[in-house]
Amino acid sequence: MNTKMIKVILNGDKEILVEQETKVIDVIKKVGIDVQKENILAVKVNNKERSIMYHLIEDCTCDFITYYTREGERIYSRSLKFIFLMALHRLNVKLHFKFLNKTGRDYFAFVQEGEVTTKLVKEIKDEMEKIISENIRIMKEKGSDRRIANFLENKEQIKNIVDLNLNENYTVYYADDFYTYLYGSVVMYTGAIKGFDLRKYKNGVILMLPERDNIEEVKYDIETNRMFELSDKFSEVCKVTSVESVNDLNKKVVDDNIDSVIRRAELYHTNEFFEITRRIVRSGTIKIVMLAGPSSSGKTTSAQRLADTLMVKKKNAIVISMDNYFKDKGNIPIGKDGKEDYECFENLEIDLFKKQILDLLKGKKVILPTFNFKLQKKEYITEPIKLQSNDILIIEGIHALNPKASEFIPKDKIFKLYVAPMVSIRFDAYTMLSSNDLRLLRRFVRDNSTRGVSVEKTMELWEKICLGDEENIFPYVDNADYIFNTSLIYELAALKPIVEKLLLKIDSKSIYYSEARRLLNMLRNFIGIETDLIPSTSILREFIGGGCYLR
């Protein structure tokens, strides 16, 4: 019987014939590539993410997923969690660590009961390094929710497996005698992990990823403390809505109680706006609110809702976008990639901005610029404004927290506000929904409805947008006087029906097909809801439309 041969194009430049059912790792070895040396964590087979142990069955392209890609970073961080949990198991640590979402390049895992000591953290880190050095094969077991739950229970391992009700099968990962459930894929050998750090922080640990451009190098400083310190506050909405997991949310939908979740989540936001307003008004001297946040965080609606709330306190708010101070075409700085960099701080006419803000504070009349994005230049077409005694400027922009944007403003006259979705809903005991994924889904919907931009075009721009956020926004979060969580616990259920239609348009030959499949698989865990119950003032309306504020 003749063995069928298939053609594999490996990483875009090597073509090889192999027998059908050959594993990817064996194909890679055939061409003399060392998987661990090249930091290959997984592969894309015909644009579908697969393990390096996957059996090839047809002619295909096979592209490497390394740590230096977004997909690879997700696999790496999830695998690092697996090794951390395995180390706890080996050391017989009974503390239950609760992971928060990633902040910068760090994960914070804390315990609510028990004590985390410096000695314990060192023991865990040493054990993790030992597990990595042993290069243990990580296996997986697939089965129904009932079978997997029993499988875990029989092995006396993690019993907090999520029951989403929507998936017929779950995947459990195991190595030696350690078994656990994690949402998403992991590496096949523990030796694929090259760099990491584990440090004690408060009553928990900071699990740190390597630098994005060097898998073996970990920076010294913890990214930010404020986000970790506010973790309890961000989870308050879970208590208010009685929703902590995707399963909880789905049950609310099935039991026809989603309207109460929406009401409470929106009331929580309203209360936050009133708290911010209270702090501003109580000072008695604040004239300027600098409002910053990453892309698709809801800055536009937040600025307008804050203006309305200030009005209730008899303060007249004037909203100014820092985008109106962009440099005209021809003066835009060139980035490292050789292209015009619209988002860098140097693209602001900072001298003009400084002069106009100081003139306003001095009581002078000022004609503010309006940036014409179509013509790529500033225009002066509005009526002049002059600050009155009860007026407050809300200045919104990605650079609003950068010290260079406000160092000339007296400290007693400025309030700094950071807005971003810090997601609190969980897939399982160790995995929260990604805030970056939520922002991306929001952007899909808004780009498509307001600009006619395809999902693929948004994906093409997203990598640069995220890098811009990391460079221009995240380093300045700790400068904020107040951090406002713009996520809504129910919004993935509302976004699901809209986003699924957009993602399903992506062809299997597209380079973004694998990412579309990942997001579709994530959305399939949610039961979709209608948007008619969402109030017109909701931040979510900035993305799905139908709101009372400008988008």
Protein backbone atom coordinates (compact mmCIF):
# COMPACT_ATOMS: atom_id res chain seq x y z
CA MET A 1 0.00 0.00 0.00
CA ASN A 2 1.47 3.33 -1.08
CA THR A 3 1.78 6.01 1.56
CA LYS A 4 0.27 9.29 0.46
CA MET A 5 2.75 12.16 0.32
CA ILE A 6 1.75 15.76 1.03
CA LYS A 7 3.48 19.04 0.28
CA VAL A 8 4.31 21.34 3.18
CA ILE A 9 5.50 24.93 2.76
CA LEU A 10 7.31 25.58 6.00
CA ASN A 11 7.40 29.14 7.31
CA GLY A 12 6.96 30.60 3.85
CA ASP A 13 10.30 29.56 2.35
CA LYS A 14 10.96 25.83 2.72
CA GLU A 15 9.00 23.30 0.64
CA ILE A 16 9.13 19.65 1.68
CA LEU A 17 7.31 16.43 0.83
CA VAL A 18 6.36 14.25 3.82
CA GLU A 19 4.12 11.30 4.51
CA GLN A 20 0.53 12.05 5.45
CA GLU A 21 -0.01 12.05 9.25
CA THR A 22 3.55 13.29 9.88
CA LYS A 23 3.71 15.45 13.00
CA VAL A 24 4.64 19.10 12.58
CA ILE A 25 7.59 18.75 14.96
CA ASP A 26 9.03 15.99 12.79
CA VAL A 27 8.71 18.14 9.67
CA ILE A 28 10.55 20.95 11.42
CA LYS A 29 13.32 18.55 12.47
CA LYS A 30 13.63 17.22 8.91
CA VAL A 31 14.76 20.64 7.69
CA GLY A 32 17.28 20.97 10.52
CA ILE A 33 15.45 23.53 12.67
CA ASP A 34 15.71 23.30 16.47
CA VAL A 35 12.23 24.00 17.90
CA GLN A 36 13.42 25.23 21.28
CA LYS A 37 16.38 27.20 19.96
CA GLU A 38 14.08 29.07 17.53
CA ASN A 39 11.44 29.55 20.27
CA ILE A 40 8.68 27.87 18.25
CA LEU A 41 5.68 27.51 20.57
CA ALA A 42 3.01 26.46 18.07
CA VAL A 43 2.23 26.73 14.35
CA LYS A 44 -0.43 27.95 11.95
CA VAL A 45 -1.46 25.19 9.57
CA ASN A 46 -3.37 26.78 6.70
CA ASN A 47 -3.91 29.78 9.00
CA LYS A 48 -5.32 27.66 11.84
CA GLU A 49 -3.43 27.57 15.15
CA ARG A 50 -2.14 24.08 15.90
CA SER A 51 0.21 22.35 18.31
CA ILE A 52 3.66 21.32 17.09
CA MET A 53 2.44 17.76 17.76
CA TYR A 54 -0.36 18.14 15.19
CA HIS A 55 -0.57 15.44 12.47
CA LEU A 56 -0.59 16.93 8.97
CA ILE A 57 -3.20 15.39 6.68
CA GLU A 58 -3.14 17.51 3.50
CA ASP A 59 -1.06 19.92 1.45
CA CYS A 60 -0.58 22.97 3.60
CA THR A 61 1.35 26.02 4.67
CA CYS A 62 2.87 25.74 8.11
CA ASP A 63 4.01 28.99 9.74
CA PHE A 64 5.80 29.26 13.07
CA ILE A 65 4.24 30.94 16.10
CA THR A 66 7.06 32.24 18.28
CA TYR A 67 7.07 34.22 21.50
CA TYR A 68 7.59 37.37 19.45
CA THR A 69 4.02 37.30 18.14
CA ARG A 70 0.76 38.16 19.93
CA GLU A 71 -0.40 34.54 19.57
CA GLY A 72 2.89 33.28 20.94
CA GLU A 73 2.84 35.64 23.89
CA ARG A 74 -0.63 34.38 24.85
CA ILE A 75 0.52 30.74 24.68
CA TYR A 76 3.70 31.55 26.62
CA SER A 77 1.89 33.38 29.43
CA ARG A 78 -0.71 30.61 29.76
CA SER A 79 2.06 27.99 29.86
CA LEU A 80 3.85 29.99 32.55
CA LYS A 81 0.66 29.88 34.63
CA PHE A 82 0.54 26.10 34.13
CA ILE A 83 4.11 25.75 35.41
CA PHE A 84 3.34 28.04 38.36
CA LEU A 85 0.33 25.87 39.31
CA MET A 86 2.37 22.70 38.81
CA ALA A 87 5.01 24.08 41.18
CA LEU A 88 2.30 24.73 43.80
CA HIS A 89 1.15 21.14 43.39
CA ARG A 90 4.66 19.70 43.77
CA LEU A 91 5.28 21.80 46.88
CA ASN A 92 1.86 20.89 48.27
CA VAL A 93 0.96 24.57 48.70
CA LYS A 94 -2.66 24.79 49.83
CA LEU A 95 -3.10 28.52 49.18
CA HIS A 96 -5.59 29.41 46.43
CA PHE A 97 -4.09 32.03 44.11
CA LYS A 98 -6.49 34.21 42.15
CA PHE A 99 -5.08 35.64 38.92
CA LEU A 100 -5.98 39.10 37.69
CA ASN A 101 -5.71 40.30 34.11
CA LYS A 102 -2.31 41.19 32.71
CA THR A 103 -1.06 44.72 33.40
CA GLY A 104 1.76 45.67 31.07
CA ARG A 105 3.84 42.48 31.03
CA ASP A 106 2.92 41.32 34.52
CA TYR A 107 0.26 39.13 36.10
CA PHE A 108 -0.76 39.65 39.72
CA ALA A 109 -1.97 36.55 41.61
CA PHE A 110 -3.11 37.03 45.18
CA VAL A 111 -4.58 34.95 47.98
CA GLN A 112 -7.50 36.05 50.15
CA GLU A 113 -6.89 33.51 52.89
CA GLY A 114 -3.46 32.58 54.17
CA GLU A 115 -0.06 34.27 53.98
CA VAL A 116 2.38 34.57 51.08
CA THR A 117 5.94 34.85 52.43
CA THR A 118 9.18 35.79 50.70
CA LYS A 119 10.49 32.30 51.52
CA LEU A 120 7.48 30.65 49.86
CA VAL A 121 7.82 32.78 46.72
CA LYS A 122 11.49 31.75 46.39
CA GLU A 123 10.54 28.08 46.80
CA ILE A 124 7.87 28.36 44.11
CA LYS A 125 10.24 30.12 41.70
CA ASP A 126 12.96 27.52 42.30
CA GLU A 127 10.47 24.72 41.64
CA MET A 128 9.28 26.43 38.45
CA GLU A 129 12.86 26.65 37.21
CA LYS A 130 13.31 22.95 38.01
CA ILE A 131 10.17 22.03 36.05
CA ILE A 132 11.41 24.05 33.08
CA SER A 133 14.88 22.44 33.22
CA GLU A 134 13.30 18.96 33.21
CA ASN A 135 11.65 19.79 29.85
CA ILE A 136 8.54 17.77 30.71
CA ARG A 137 6.01 16.92 28.01
CA ILE A 138 2.66 18.63 28.63
CA MET A 139 -0.16 16.40 27.45
CA LYS A 140 -3.83 17.13 26.93
CA GLU A 141 -7.02 15.22 27.45
CA LYS A 142 -10.28 16.11 25.72
CA GLY A 143 -13.73 15.07 26.84
CA SER A 144 -17.18 16.11 27.91
CA ASP A 145 -17.63 18.44 30.84
CA ARG A 146 -18.86 15.57 33.06
CA ARG A 147 -15.97 13.29 32.11
CA ILE A 148 -13.35 16.00 32.56
CA ALA A 149 -14.79 17.09 35.90
CA ASN A 150 -14.60 13.48 37.10
CA PHE A 151 -11.13 13.16 35.61
CA LEU A 152 -9.91 16.11 37.69
CA GLU A 153 -11.69 14.95 40.80
CA ASN A 154 -10.23 11.45 40.52
CA LYS A 155 -6.76 12.97 40.34
CA GLU A 156 -7.60 15.19 43.34
CA GLN A 157 -6.65 18.26 41.37
CA ILE A 158 -8.33 21.54 40.54
CA LYS A 159 -12.07 21.21 41.15
CA ASN A 160 -12.95 24.76 40.15
CA ILE A 161 -13.53 23.89 36.50
CA VAL A 162 -15.82 26.28 34.70
CA ASP A 163 -19.11 24.91 33.36
CA LEU A 164 -20.04 27.12 30.42
CA ASN A 165 -22.98 24.95 29.37
CA LEU A 166 -22.24 25.87 25.74
CA ASN A 167 -19.21 23.66 25.05
CA GLU A 168 -19.53 19.94 24.54
CA ASN A 169 -15.84 19.32 25.19
CA TYR A 170 -13.12 20.68 27.43
CA THR A 171 -9.36 20.31 27.31
CA VAL A 172 -7.37 19.43 30.42
CA TYR A 173 -3.57 19.74 30.40
CA TYR A 174 -1.38 17.46 32.46
CA ALA A 175 2.27 16.75 33.17
CA ASP A 176 3.48 13.93 35.43
CA ASP A 177 0.72 13.68 38.07
CA PHE A 178 -0.52 17.28 37.78
CA TYR A 179 -3.77 18.03 35.96
CA THR A 180 -5.57 21.31 35.45
CA TYR A 181 -8.01 23.14 33.19
CA LEU A 182 -6.88 26.33 31.46
CA TYR A 183 -8.80 28.22 28.78
CA GLY A 184 -6.67 28.18 25.62
CA SER A 185 -3.58 26.30 24.43
CA VAL A 186 -0.18 25.80 26.07
CA VAL A 187 3.29 24.71 24.91
CA MET A 188 4.03 21.03 24.52
CA TYR A 189 7.25 21.00 26.58
CA THR A 190 8.02 22.97 29.74
CA GLY A 191 11.49 23.70 28.35
CA ALA A 192 9.91 26.11 25.84
CA ILE A 193 9.76 28.64 28.68
CA LYS A 194 13.03 30.58 28.65
CA GLY A 195 12.60 33.71 30.74
CA PHE A 196 10.30 34.75 33.57
CA ASP A 197 10.40 36.17 37.06
CA LEU A 198 8.30 35.65 40.17
CA ARG A 199 8.25 38.27 42.91
CA LYS A 200 6.36 38.76 46.11
CA TYR A 201 3.89 41.64 45.99
CA LYS A 202 1.50 42.40 48.85
CA ASN A 203 -0.22 39.11 49.77
CA GLY A 204 0.53 37.50 46.45
CA VAL A 205 3.01 37.30 43.60
CA ILE A 206 3.83 39.12 40.39
CA LEU A 207 4.40 36.69 37.52
CA MET A 208 6.52 38.55 34.97
CA LEU A 209 6.91 37.84 31.25
CA PRO A 210 10.15 38.42 29.32
CA GLU A 211 10.68 41.51 27.21
CA ARG A 212 8.80 41.44 23.91
CA ASP A 213 12.02 41.46 21.86
CA ASN A 214 14.06 39.09 24.05
CA ILE A 215 12.56 35.89 25.43
CA GLU A 216 15.40 35.44 27.94
CA GLU A 217 15.38 38.96 29.41
CA VAL A 218 12.99 40.16 32.12
CA LYS A 219 12.94 43.81 33.07
CA TYR A 220 13.68 44.73 36.66
CA ASP A 221 10.83 47.08 37.53
CA ILE A 222 7.22 46.05 38.06
CA GLU A 223 5.11 47.79 35.39
CA THR A 224 2.66 49.65 37.64
CA ASN A 225 1.39 49.38 41.17
CA ARG A 226 -1.86 51.33 40.90
CA MET A 227 -3.64 48.77 38.76
CA PHE A 228 -2.81 45.94 41.17
CA GLU A 229 -3.80 48.00 44.19
CA LEU A 230 -7.19 48.76 42.64
CA SER A 231 -7.95 45.16 41.74
CA ASP A 232 -10.52 44.80 44.52
CA LYS A 233 -12.27 47.97 43.36
CA PHE A 234 -12.43 46.71 39.77
CA SER A 235 -14.16 43.54 40.96
CA GLU A 236 -16.83 45.45 42.92
CA VAL A 237 -19.13 45.30 39.92
CA CYS A 238 -19.06 41.49 40.15
CA LYS A 239 -20.62 41.71 43.60
CA VAL A 240 -23.10 44.37 42.49
CA THR A 241 -24.32 42.28 39.54
CA SER A 242 -23.74 38.79 41.04
CA VAL A 243 -21.70 37.93 37.94
CA GLU A 244 -18.11 36.72 38.30
CA SER A 245 -17.78 34.22 35.46
CA VAL A 246 -19.00 33.67 31.94
CA ASN A 247 -21.17 30.89 33.32
CA ASP A 248 -22.79 33.32 35.80
CA LEU A 249 -23.59 35.70 32.96
CA ASN A 250 -25.07 32.96 30.80
CA LYS A 251 -27.29 31.84 33.67
CA LYS A 252 -28.60 35.40 34.03
CA VAL A 253 -29.52 35.35 30.34
CA VAL A 254 -31.18 31.92 30.54
CA ASP A 255 -33.10 32.90 33.70
CA ASP A 256 -34.25 36.14 32.02
CA ASN A 257 -32.45 38.28 34.60
CA ILE A 258 -30.04 40.04 32.24
CA ASP A 259 -32.01 43.29 32.53
CA SER A 260 -31.08 43.57 36.21
CA VAL A 261 -27.40 42.96 35.35
CA ILE A 262 -27.51 45.75 32.77
CA ARG A 263 -29.24 48.17 35.17
CA ARG A 264 -26.80 47.54 38.00
CA ALA A 265 -23.71 47.70 35.78
CA GLU A 266 -24.87 51.01 34.30
CA LEU A 267 -25.79 52.42 37.73
CA TYR A 268 -22.31 51.49 38.90
CA HIS A 269 -20.86 53.60 36.07
CA THR A 270 -23.19 56.47 36.94
CA ASN A 271 -22.03 56.33 40.54
CA GLU A 272 -18.41 56.45 39.36
CA PHE A 273 -19.05 59.63 37.36
CA PHE A 274 -20.62 61.24 40.41
CA GLU A 275 -17.65 60.22 42.55
CA ILE A 276 -15.22 61.77 40.05
CA THR A 277 -17.36 64.92 39.96
CA ARG A 278 -17.46 65.08 43.75
CA ARG A 279 -13.67 65.02 43.93
CA ILE A 280 -13.31 67.71 41.29
CA VAL A 281 -15.86 70.06 42.84
CA ARG A 282 -14.66 69.46 46.39
CA SER A 283 -11.21 70.80 45.55
CA GLY A 284 -12.63 74.26 44.80
CA THR A 285 -9.70 75.11 42.50
CA ILE A 286 -9.69 72.56 39.66
CA LYS A 287 -10.24 74.12 36.24
CA ILE A 288 -8.87 71.36 33.97
CA VAL A 289 -9.53 67.62 33.76
CA MET A 290 -6.94 65.72 31.73
CA LEU A 291 -8.60 62.49 30.51
CA ALA A 292 -6.58 59.71 28.88
CA GLY A 293 -7.12 56.09 27.94
CA PRO A 294 -6.11 53.51 25.33
CA SER A 295 -7.91 53.01 22.04
CA SER A 296 -11.56 51.92 22.35
CA SER A 297 -11.66 52.60 26.06
CA GLY A 298 -14.70 54.89 25.83
CA LYS A 299 -12.91 58.23 26.24
CA THR A 300 -15.37 60.16 24.07
CA THR A 301 -18.48 59.07 25.98
CA SER A 302 -16.70 59.32 29.33
CA ALA A 303 -15.80 62.96 28.64
CA GLN A 304 -19.38 63.81 27.67
CA ARG A 305 -20.96 61.94 30.59
CA LEU A 306 -18.57 63.65 32.98
CA ALA A 307 -19.57 66.99 31.47
CA ASP A 308 -23.24 66.18 32.12
CA THR A 309 -22.51 65.11 35.69
CA LEU A 310 -20.56 68.31 36.33
CA MET A 311 -23.55 70.25 35.03
CA VAL A 312 -25.67 68.69 37.78
CA LYS A 313 -23.20 70.26 40.22
CA LYS A 314 -23.61 73.62 38.44
CA LYS A 315 -20.28 73.39 36.64
CA ASN A 316 -20.17 74.08 32.91
CA ALA A 317 -17.79 71.67 31.19
CA ILE A 318 -16.10 72.39 27.87
CA VAL A 319 -14.71 69.29 26.17
CA ILE A 320 -11.52 69.67 24.10
CA SER A 321 -9.86 66.90 22.08
CA MET A 322 -6.08 66.94 21.96
CA ASP A 323 -6.39 65.46 18.46
CA ASN A 324 -7.23 68.99 17.29
CA TYR A 325 -3.62 69.95 18.02
CA PHE A 326 -2.13 67.39 15.63
CA LYS A 327 0.49 68.77 13.25
CA ASP A 328 -0.57 69.50 9.68
CA LYS A 329 0.38 67.10 6.91
CA GLY A 330 4.00 67.58 5.93
CA ASN A 331 5.10 68.14 9.53
CA ILE A 332 4.09 64.75 10.91
CA PRO A 333 7.04 62.91 12.58
CA ILE A 334 8.37 59.75 10.97
CA GLY A 335 8.31 56.62 13.13
CA LYS A 336 10.79 53.77 13.42
CA ASP A 337 9.00 51.95 10.62
CA GLY A 338 9.63 54.82 8.22
CA LYS A 339 5.96 55.82 8.18
CA GLU A 340 4.21 58.90 9.54
CA ASP A 341 3.54 58.46 13.27
CA TYR A 342 0.27 60.19 14.09
CA GLU A 343 0.10 58.95 17.68
CA CYS A 344 3.51 59.99 19.05
CA PHE A 345 3.67 62.92 21.46
CA GLU A 346 5.85 64.85 19.01
CA ASN A 347 2.90 65.01 16.58
CA LEU A 348 1.20 67.50 18.90
CA GLU A 349 1.63 71.25 18.42
CA ILE A 350 2.50 71.40 22.10
CA ASP A 351 3.56 75.07 22.05
CA LEU A 352 0.19 76.07 20.58
CA PHE A 353 -1.63 73.86 23.08
CA LYS A 354 0.32 75.33 26.00
CA LYS A 355 -0.29 78.93 24.90
CA GLN A 356 -4.03 78.45 24.42
CA ILE A 357 -4.57 76.64 27.74
CA LEU A 358 -2.62 79.30 29.65
CA ASP A 359 -4.55 82.06 27.86
CA LEU A 360 -7.81 80.40 28.88
CA LEU A 361 -6.66 80.15 32.50
CA LYS A 362 -5.83 83.87 32.38
CA GLY A 363 -9.37 84.68 31.26
CA LYS A 364 -8.54 85.48 27.64
CA LYS A 365 -10.70 84.64 24.63
CA VAL A 366 -9.33 81.82 22.48
CA ILE A 367 -10.34 80.32 19.13
CA LEU A 368 -9.64 76.61 19.43
CA PRO A 369 -8.45 74.67 16.38
CA THR A 370 -10.44 71.86 14.75
CA PHE A 371 -8.37 69.22 12.99
CA ASN A 372 -9.74 68.30 9.56
CA PHE A 373 -8.71 64.67 9.23
CA LYS A 374 -9.73 64.54 5.58
CA LEU A 375 -7.50 67.48 4.65
CA GLN A 376 -4.94 66.65 7.36
CA LYS A 377 -4.75 70.17 8.71
CA LYS A 378 -6.04 72.42 11.51
CA GLU A 379 -8.89 74.85 10.86
CA TYR A 380 -10.13 77.75 12.99
CA ILE A 381 -13.88 77.68 12.37
CA THR A 382 -15.42 77.80 15.85
CA GLU A 383 -16.50 80.74 17.96
CA PRO A 384 -13.95 81.99 20.53
CA ILE A 385 -14.36 80.74 24.09
CA LYS A 386 -13.55 82.31 27.43
CA LEU A 387 -13.49 80.48 30.77
CA GLN A 388 -16.07 81.70 33.27
CA SER A 389 -15.82 81.15 37.01
CA ASN A 390 -17.91 77.97 36.90
CA ASP A 391 -16.32 76.57 33.71
CA ILE A 392 -14.13 73.45 33.66
CA LEU A 393 -12.12 72.21 30.70
CA ILE A 394 -12.15 68.49 29.98
CA ILE A 395 -9.12 67.79 27.77
CA GLU A 396 -9.31 64.32 26.25
CA GLY A 397 -6.51 62.52 24.39
CA ILE A 398 -4.05 59.65 24.48
CA HIS A 399 -1.30 61.96 25.77
CA ALA A 400 -3.36 63.67 28.47
CA LEU A 401 -1.45 61.94 31.31
CA ASN A 402 1.99 62.59 29.84
CA PRO A 403 3.69 65.09 32.20
CA LYS A 404 4.87 67.11 29.18
CA ALA A 405 1.23 67.88 28.34
CA SER A 406 0.45 69.51 31.67
CA GLU A 407 3.70 70.52 33.41
CA PHE A 408 2.87 74.18 32.76
CA ILE A 409 -0.52 73.97 34.54
CA PRO A 410 -0.60 74.78 38.30
CA LYS A 411 -1.09 71.53 40.23
CA ASP A 412 -4.06 72.83 42.20
CA LYS A 413 -5.96 73.50 38.96
CA ILE A 414 -5.65 70.06 37.34
CA PHE A 415 -7.31 66.67 37.84
CA LYS A 416 -5.96 63.64 35.95
CA LEU A 417 -8.34 60.85 34.96
CA TYR A 418 -7.48 57.51 33.36
CA VAL A 419 -10.27 55.51 31.70
CA ALA A 420 -9.92 51.96 30.36
CA PRO A 421 -11.83 48.67 30.44
CA MET A 422 -10.38 46.52 33.22
CA VAL A 423 -12.34 43.33 32.66
CA SER A 424 -13.43 41.37 35.73
CA ILE A 425 -15.32 38.44 34.19
CA ARG A 426 -13.57 35.04 34.23
CA PHE A 427 -13.44 31.97 32.01
CA ASP A 428 -11.99 29.81 34.78
CA ALA A 429 -10.19 30.10 38.10
CA TYR A 430 -7.00 31.37 36.45
CA THR A 431 -8.14 33.08 33.25
CA MET A 432 -9.91 36.40 32.90
CA LEU A 433 -11.25 37.78 29.66
CA SER A 434 -8.54 39.89 28.05
CA SER A 435 -9.07 43.65 28.23
CA ASN A 436 -7.21 43.95 24.92
CA ASP A 437 -9.64 41.52 23.30
CA LEU A 438 -12.59 43.53 24.61
CA ARG A 439 -11.16 46.77 23.21
CA LEU A 440 -10.51 45.05 19.87
CA LEU A 441 -14.10 43.78 19.63
CA ARG A 442 -15.40 47.25 20.47
CA ARG A 443 -13.23 48.70 17.73
CA PHE A 444 -14.42 46.12 15.17
CA VAL A 445 -17.99 47.27 15.67
CA ARG A 446 -17.31 51.02 15.69
CA ASP A 447 -14.88 50.96 12.74
CA ASN A 448 -17.33 48.97 10.66
CA SER A 449 -20.45 51.01 11.49
CA THR A 450 -18.98 54.52 11.43
CA ARG A 451 -16.21 54.22 8.84
CA GLY A 452 -17.09 51.13 6.83
CA VAL A 453 -13.74 49.60 7.80
CA SER A 454 -13.44 45.81 7.56
CA VAL A 455 -12.39 43.62 10.46
CA GLU A 456 -9.22 42.70 8.56
CA LYS A 457 -8.24 46.35 8.19
CA THR A 458 -8.80 46.91 11.91
CA MET A 459 -6.64 43.87 12.70
CA GLU A 460 -3.94 45.22 10.41
CA LEU A 461 -3.85 48.48 12.38
CA TRP A 462 -4.34 46.94 15.83
CA GLU A 463 -0.76 45.80 16.43
CA LYS A 464 0.55 49.32 15.92
CA ILE A 465 -2.27 50.76 18.03
CA CYS A 466 -1.40 48.45 20.93
CA LEU A 467 2.29 49.30 20.68
CA GLY A 468 1.34 52.98 20.70
CA ASP A 469 -0.76 52.47 23.84
CA GLU A 470 2.15 50.71 25.55
CA GLU A 471 4.51 53.54 24.64
CA ASN A 472 2.29 56.60 25.04
CA ILE A 473 -0.32 55.73 27.68
CA PHE A 474 0.46 52.84 30.01
CA PRO A 475 3.72 54.32 31.41
CA TYR A 476 1.74 57.30 32.76
CA VAL A 477 -1.20 55.50 34.41
CA ASP A 478 0.24 56.05 37.88
CA ASN A 479 0.02 59.82 37.29
CA ALA A 480 -3.79 59.63 37.40
CA ASP A 481 -5.75 61.01 40.35
CA TYR A 482 -8.56 58.59 39.54
CA ILE A 483 -8.82 55.38 37.49
CA PHE A 484 -12.22 54.58 36.01
CA ASN A 485 -13.05 51.08 34.78
CA THR A 486 -15.14 51.51 31.61
CA SER A 487 -15.89 47.81 31.08
CA LEU A 488 -19.43 46.54 31.46
CA ILE A 489 -19.87 43.05 32.86
CA TYR A 490 -22.53 42.17 30.28
CA GLU A 491 -21.04 43.70 27.13
CA LEU A 492 -19.57 40.55 25.54
CA ALA A 493 -23.08 39.10 25.42
CA ALA A 494 -24.26 42.27 23.67
CA LEU A 495 -21.30 42.44 21.27
CA LYS A 496 -21.43 38.75 20.34
CA PRO A 497 -24.24 38.81 17.70
CA ILE A 498 -22.72 41.86 16.00
CA VAL A 499 -19.08 40.77 16.03
CA GLU A 500 -19.74 37.18 14.97
CA LYS A 501 -21.25 38.35 11.68
CA LEU A 502 -18.17 40.47 11.00
CA LEU A 503 -15.66 37.75 11.87
CA LEU A 504 -17.44 35.13 9.77
CA LYS A 505 -16.73 37.23 6.67
CA ILE A 506 -13.00 36.54 6.94
CA ASP A 507 -11.85 34.03 4.34
CA SER A 508 -9.83 30.98 5.40
CA LYS A 509 -6.96 32.18 3.18
CA SER A 510 -6.65 35.47 5.07
CA ILE A 511 -3.61 35.95 7.30
CA TYR A 512 -6.08 37.03 9.98
CA TYR A 513 -8.17 33.85 9.79
CA SER A 514 -6.49 32.25 12.81
CA GLU A 515 -7.13 35.33 14.96
CA ALA A 516 -10.74 35.46 13.75
CA ARG A 517 -11.22 31.80 14.73
CA ARG A 518 -9.75 32.45 18.17
CA LEU A 519 -12.13 35.33 18.78
CA LEU A 520 -15.10 33.39 17.41
CA ASN A 521 -14.30 30.48 19.71
CA MET A 522 -14.12 32.88 22.62
CA LEU A 523 -17.48 34.45 21.73
CA ARG A 524 -19.12 31.03 21.48
CA ASN A 525 -18.81 30.76 25.24
CA PHE A 526 -21.38 33.56 25.60
CA ILE A 527 -25.12 33.59 25.06
CA GLY A 528 -25.94 36.66 22.99
CA ILE A 529 -28.46 39.30 24.06
CA GLU A 530 -30.44 42.04 22.34
CA THR A 531 -29.24 45.62 22.78
CA ASP A 532 -32.63 47.28 23.32
CA LEU A 533 -32.21 47.21 27.12
CA ILE A 534 -28.92 49.15 27.00
CA PRO A 535 -29.51 52.82 27.91
CA SER A 536 -28.63 55.57 25.42
CA THR A 537 -26.10 56.99 27.91
CA SER A 538 -24.09 53.75 28.09
CA ILE A 539 -20.41 53.77 27.16
CA LEU A 540 -21.17 50.69 25.05
CA ARG A 541 -23.36 52.89 22.80
CA GLU A 542 -20.19 54.65 21.64
CA PHE A 543 -19.39 51.44 19.79
CA ILE A 544 -22.71 49.79 18.90
CA GLY A 545 -24.55 53.05 18.12
CA GLY A 546 -27.93 54.31 19.25
CA GLY A 547 -26.52 56.53 21.99
CA CYS A 548 -27.27 60.11 22.88
CA TYR A 549 -23.63 61.24 22.77
CA LEU A 550 -21.34 61.98 19.83
CA ARG A 551 -19.30 58.93 18.77
